[in-house]
Amino acid sequence: MALHPTLLLVGGSTELKRFISLFHEAGFSIVTAERIGEALATTKKMRIQGIVFIIPVYWEPITRFIEQVRTIKGYAEDQVPIFYLGKLIEGEDQRILQRYGVKTVTLGPVPDSELARYIINQIRF
């Protein structure tokens, strides 16, 4: 069992680097995955307290991921929050993701530290 709550960050390594140290400083253990398949395998192997997609190229595979991960014991919507941090989130994309229980945030003028704080405040452990 992990001593610290664990976040799964999903995305390209360059984008993930922006947030890893911020979550470490808040006391989180970090697991990363570049692809959806890796992320799903990770959720099956270990207990994750939150999942954060950081600037994914396409959002559609995320809905399939959510459908699969929500069938795993302990990963119900009220147990493990899922976040989507995107550069541009179209209105329809946002509506669909939110229907799946994903908390969507558009990157922009908000500093990374504030985005990390928002995510940290949403995690229950």
C-alpha atoms as a PDB file:
ATOM      1  CA  MET A   1       0.000   0.000   0.000  1.00  0.00           C
ATOM      2  CA  ALA A   2       1.345   3.425  -0.944  1.00  0.00           C
ATOM      3  CA  LEU A   3       2.251   5.808   1.860  1.00  0.00           C
ATOM      4  CA  HIS A   4       1.130   8.759  -0.227  1.00  0.00           C
ATOM      5  CA  PRO A   5      -1.953   9.177  -2.394  1.00  0.00           C
ATOM      6  CA  THR A   6      -1.163   8.320  -5.999  1.00  0.00           C
ATOM      7  CA  LEU A   7      -2.037  10.268  -9.126  1.00  0.00           C
ATOM      8  CA  LEU A   8      -1.904   8.816 -12.617  1.00  0.00           C
ATOM      9  CA  LEU A   9      -0.817  11.447 -15.142  1.00  0.00           C
ATOM     10  CA  VAL A  10      -1.525  10.551 -18.767  1.00  0.00           C
ATOM     11  CA  GLY A  11       0.065  12.421 -21.665  1.00  0.00           C
ATOM     12  CA  GLY A  12       3.311  13.226 -23.427  1.00  0.00           C
ATOM     13  CA  SER A  13       6.417  13.446 -21.271  1.00  0.00           C
ATOM     14  CA  THR A  14       7.010  17.116 -22.079  1.00  0.00           C
ATOM     15  CA  GLU A  15       3.547  18.127 -20.907  1.00  0.00           C
ATOM     16  CA  LEU A  16       3.653  15.894 -17.830  1.00  0.00           C
ATOM     17  CA  LYS A  17       6.890  17.510 -16.617  1.00  0.00           C
ATOM     18  CA  ARG A  18       5.011  20.764 -16.072  1.00  0.00           C
ATOM     19  CA  PHE A  19       2.938  19.167 -13.308  1.00  0.00           C
ATOM     20  CA  ILE A  20       4.951  16.335 -11.751  1.00  0.00           C
ATOM     21  CA  SER A  21       6.920  18.492  -9.301  1.00  0.00           C
ATOM     22  CA  LEU A  22       3.787  20.412  -8.267  1.00  0.00           C
ATOM     23  CA  PHE A  23       2.026  17.191  -7.272  1.00  0.00           C
ATOM     24  CA  HIS A  24       5.155  15.787  -5.596  1.00  0.00           C
ATOM     25  CA  GLU A  25       5.431  18.937  -3.482  1.00  0.00           C
ATOM     26  CA  ALA A  26       1.844  18.375  -2.324  1.00  0.00           C
ATOM     27  CA  GLY A  27       2.733  14.865  -1.115  1.00  0.00           C
ATOM     28  CA  PHE A  28       1.459  12.761  -4.011  1.00  0.00           C
ATOM     29  CA  SER A  29       3.160   9.768  -5.545  1.00  0.00           C
ATOM     30  CA  ILE A  30       3.077  10.019  -9.331  1.00  0.00           C
ATOM     31  CA  VAL A  31       2.646   7.307 -11.938  1.00  0.00           C
ATOM     32  CA  THR A  32       2.776   8.287 -15.609  1.00  0.00           C
ATOM     33  CA  ALA A  33       1.529   6.779 -18.843  1.00  0.00           C
ATOM     34  CA  GLU A  34       1.828   8.088 -22.380  1.00  0.00           C
ATOM     35  CA  ARG A  35      -0.930   5.932 -23.858  1.00  0.00           C
ATOM     36  CA  ILE A  36      -4.462   4.961 -22.853  1.00  0.00           C
ATOM     37  CA  GLY A  37      -3.597   1.245 -22.795  1.00  0.00           C
ATOM     38  CA  GLU A  38      -0.765   1.877 -20.332  1.00  0.00           C
ATOM     39  CA  ALA A  39      -3.085   3.953 -18.165  1.00  0.00           C
ATOM     40  CA  LEU A  40      -5.717   1.216 -18.072  1.00  0.00           C
ATOM     41  CA  ALA A  41      -3.115  -1.425 -17.186  1.00  0.00           C
ATOM     42  CA  THR A  42      -1.871   0.799 -14.351  1.00  0.00           C
ATOM     43  CA  THR A  43      -5.356   1.202 -12.889  1.00  0.00           C
ATOM     44  CA  LYS A  44      -5.740  -2.578 -12.858  1.00  0.00           C
ATOM     45  CA  LYS A  45      -2.404  -3.091 -11.050  1.00  0.00           C
ATOM     46  CA  MET A  46      -2.513  -0.415  -8.378  1.00  0.00           C
ATOM     47  CA  ARG A  47      -4.848   1.863  -6.461  1.00  0.00           C
ATOM     48  CA  ILE A  48      -4.974   5.375  -7.910  1.00  0.00           C
ATOM     49  CA  GLN A  49      -6.656   8.321  -6.151  1.00  0.00           C
ATOM     50  CA  GLY A  50      -6.960  10.530  -9.237  1.00  0.00           C
ATOM     51  CA  ILE A  51      -6.387  10.396 -12.991  1.00  0.00           C
ATOM     52  CA  VAL A  52      -5.252  13.460 -14.948  1.00  0.00           C
ATOM     53  CA  PHE A  53      -5.113  13.618 -18.751  1.00  0.00           C
ATOM     54  CA  ILE A  54      -2.747  16.436 -19.713  1.00  0.00           C
ATOM     55  CA  ILE A  55      -3.145  17.879 -23.211  1.00  0.00           C
ATOM     56  CA  PRO A  56      -4.203  14.681 -24.955  1.00  0.00           C
ATOM     57  CA  VAL A  57      -4.185  14.709 -28.754  1.00  0.00           C
ATOM     58  CA  TYR A  58      -7.684  13.239 -29.024  1.00  0.00           C
ATOM     59  CA  TRP A  59     -10.393  13.046 -26.390  1.00  0.00           C
ATOM     60  CA  GLU A  60     -12.453  10.193 -27.890  1.00  0.00           C
ATOM     61  CA  PRO A  61     -10.255   7.356 -26.517  1.00  0.00           C
ATOM     62  CA  ILE A  62     -10.708   8.847 -23.059  1.00  0.00           C
ATOM     63  CA  THR A  63     -14.419   8.022 -23.058  1.00  0.00           C
ATOM     64  CA  ARG A  64     -13.637   4.373 -23.841  1.00  0.00           C
ATOM     65  CA  PHE A  65     -11.002   4.397 -21.088  1.00  0.00           C
ATOM     66  CA  ILE A  66     -13.551   5.749 -18.612  1.00  0.00           C
ATOM     67  CA  GLU A  67     -16.102   3.106 -19.556  1.00  0.00           C
ATOM     68  CA  GLN A  68     -13.502   0.416 -18.862  1.00  0.00           C
ATOM     69  CA  VAL A  69     -11.956   1.890 -15.723  1.00  0.00           C
ATOM     70  CA  ARG A  70     -15.332   2.506 -14.068  1.00  0.00           C
ATOM     71  CA  THR A  71     -15.971  -1.261 -14.150  1.00  0.00           C
ATOM     72  CA  ILE A  72     -12.926  -1.864 -11.910  1.00  0.00           C
ATOM     73  CA  LYS A  73     -13.782  -2.178  -8.225  1.00  0.00           C
ATOM     74  CA  GLY A  74     -12.900   1.031  -6.388  1.00  0.00           C
ATOM     75  CA  TYR A  75     -12.958   3.239  -9.485  1.00  0.00           C
ATOM     76  CA  ALA A  76     -16.536   4.507  -9.398  1.00  0.00           C
ATOM     77  CA  GLU A  77     -17.086   8.145 -10.341  1.00  0.00           C
ATOM     78  CA  ASP A  78     -17.506   9.196  -6.707  1.00  0.00           C
ATOM     79  CA  GLN A  79     -14.309   7.359  -5.698  1.00  0.00           C
ATOM     80  CA  VAL A  80     -11.690   8.395  -8.268  1.00  0.00           C
ATOM     81  CA  PRO A  81     -11.956  11.739 -10.044  1.00  0.00           C
ATOM     82  CA  ILE A  82     -10.767  12.078 -13.630  1.00  0.00           C
ATOM     83  CA  PHE A  83      -9.479  15.396 -14.990  1.00  0.00           C
ATOM     84  CA  TYR A  84      -8.873  16.578 -18.547  1.00  0.00           C
ATOM     85  CA  LEU A  85      -6.476  19.503 -18.997  1.00  0.00           C
ATOM     86  CA  GLY A  86      -6.612  20.628 -22.611  1.00  0.00           C
ATOM     87  CA  LYS A  87      -5.310  23.493 -24.713  1.00  0.00           C
ATOM     88  CA  LEU A  88      -8.622  23.823 -26.494  1.00  0.00           C
ATOM     89  CA  ILE A  89     -11.820  22.079 -25.497  1.00  0.00           C
ATOM     90  CA  GLU A  90     -14.704  22.504 -27.923  1.00  0.00           C
ATOM     91  CA  GLY A  91     -18.163  22.953 -26.433  1.00  0.00           C
ATOM     92  CA  GLU A  92     -19.464  19.570 -27.575  1.00  0.00           C
ATOM     93  CA  ASP A  93     -16.268  17.800 -26.467  1.00  0.00           C
ATOM     94  CA  GLN A  94     -16.567  19.366 -23.039  1.00  0.00           C
ATOM     95  CA  ARG A  95     -20.218  18.383 -22.721  1.00  0.00           C
ATOM     96  CA  ILE A  96     -19.490  14.754 -23.626  1.00  0.00           C
ATOM     97  CA  LEU A  97     -16.510  14.491 -21.274  1.00  0.00           C
ATOM     98  CA  GLN A  98     -18.480  16.044 -18.421  1.00  0.00           C
ATOM     99  CA  ARG A  99     -21.315  13.589 -19.047  1.00  0.00           C
ATOM    100  CA  TYR A 100     -18.736  10.879 -18.313  1.00  0.00           C
ATOM    101  CA  GLY A 101     -17.911  12.615 -15.035  1.00  0.00           C
ATOM    102  CA  VAL A 102     -14.661  14.169 -16.240  1.00  0.00           C
ATOM    103  CA  LYS A 103     -13.690  17.533 -14.791  1.00  0.00           C
ATOM    104  CA  THR A 104     -12.479  19.599 -17.756  1.00  0.00           C
ATOM    105  CA  VAL A 105     -10.100  22.539 -17.547  1.00  0.00           C
ATOM    106  CA  THR A 106      -8.821  24.603 -20.473  1.00  0.00           C
ATOM    107  CA  LEU A 107      -5.190  25.608 -20.111  1.00  0.00           C
ATOM    108  CA  GLY A 108      -4.567  29.261 -20.618  1.00  0.00           C
ATOM    109  CA  PRO A 109      -3.809  32.218 -18.435  1.00  0.00           C
ATOM    110  CA  VAL A 110      -4.232  30.196 -15.228  1.00  0.00           C
ATOM    111  CA  PRO A 111      -0.825  29.221 -13.781  1.00  0.00           C
ATOM    112  CA  ASP A 112       0.017  25.516 -13.596  1.00  0.00           C
ATOM    113  CA  SER A 113       0.288  25.814  -9.806  1.00  0.00           C
ATOM    114  CA  GLU A 114      -3.370  26.900  -9.593  1.00  0.00           C
ATOM    115  CA  LEU A 115      -4.484  24.036 -11.834  1.00  0.00           C
ATOM    116  CA  ALA A 116      -2.565  21.610  -9.625  1.00  0.00           C
ATOM    117  CA  ARG A 117      -4.143  23.122  -6.506  1.00  0.00           C
ATOM    118  CA  TYR A 118      -7.619  22.705  -8.024  1.00  0.00           C
ATOM    119  CA  ILE A 119      -6.922  19.023  -8.739  1.00  0.00           C
ATOM    120  CA  ILE A 120      -5.371  18.401  -5.318  1.00  0.00           C
ATOM    121  CA  ASN A 121      -8.431  19.883  -3.614  1.00  0.00           C
ATOM    122  CA  GLN A 122     -10.693  17.455  -5.513  1.00  0.00           C
ATOM    123  CA  ILE A 123      -8.837  14.297  -4.438  1.00  0.00           C
ATOM    124  CA  ARG A 124     -10.238  12.305  -1.516  1.00  0.00           C
ATOM    125  CA  PHE A 125      -7.979   9.860   0.278  1.00  0.00           C
END
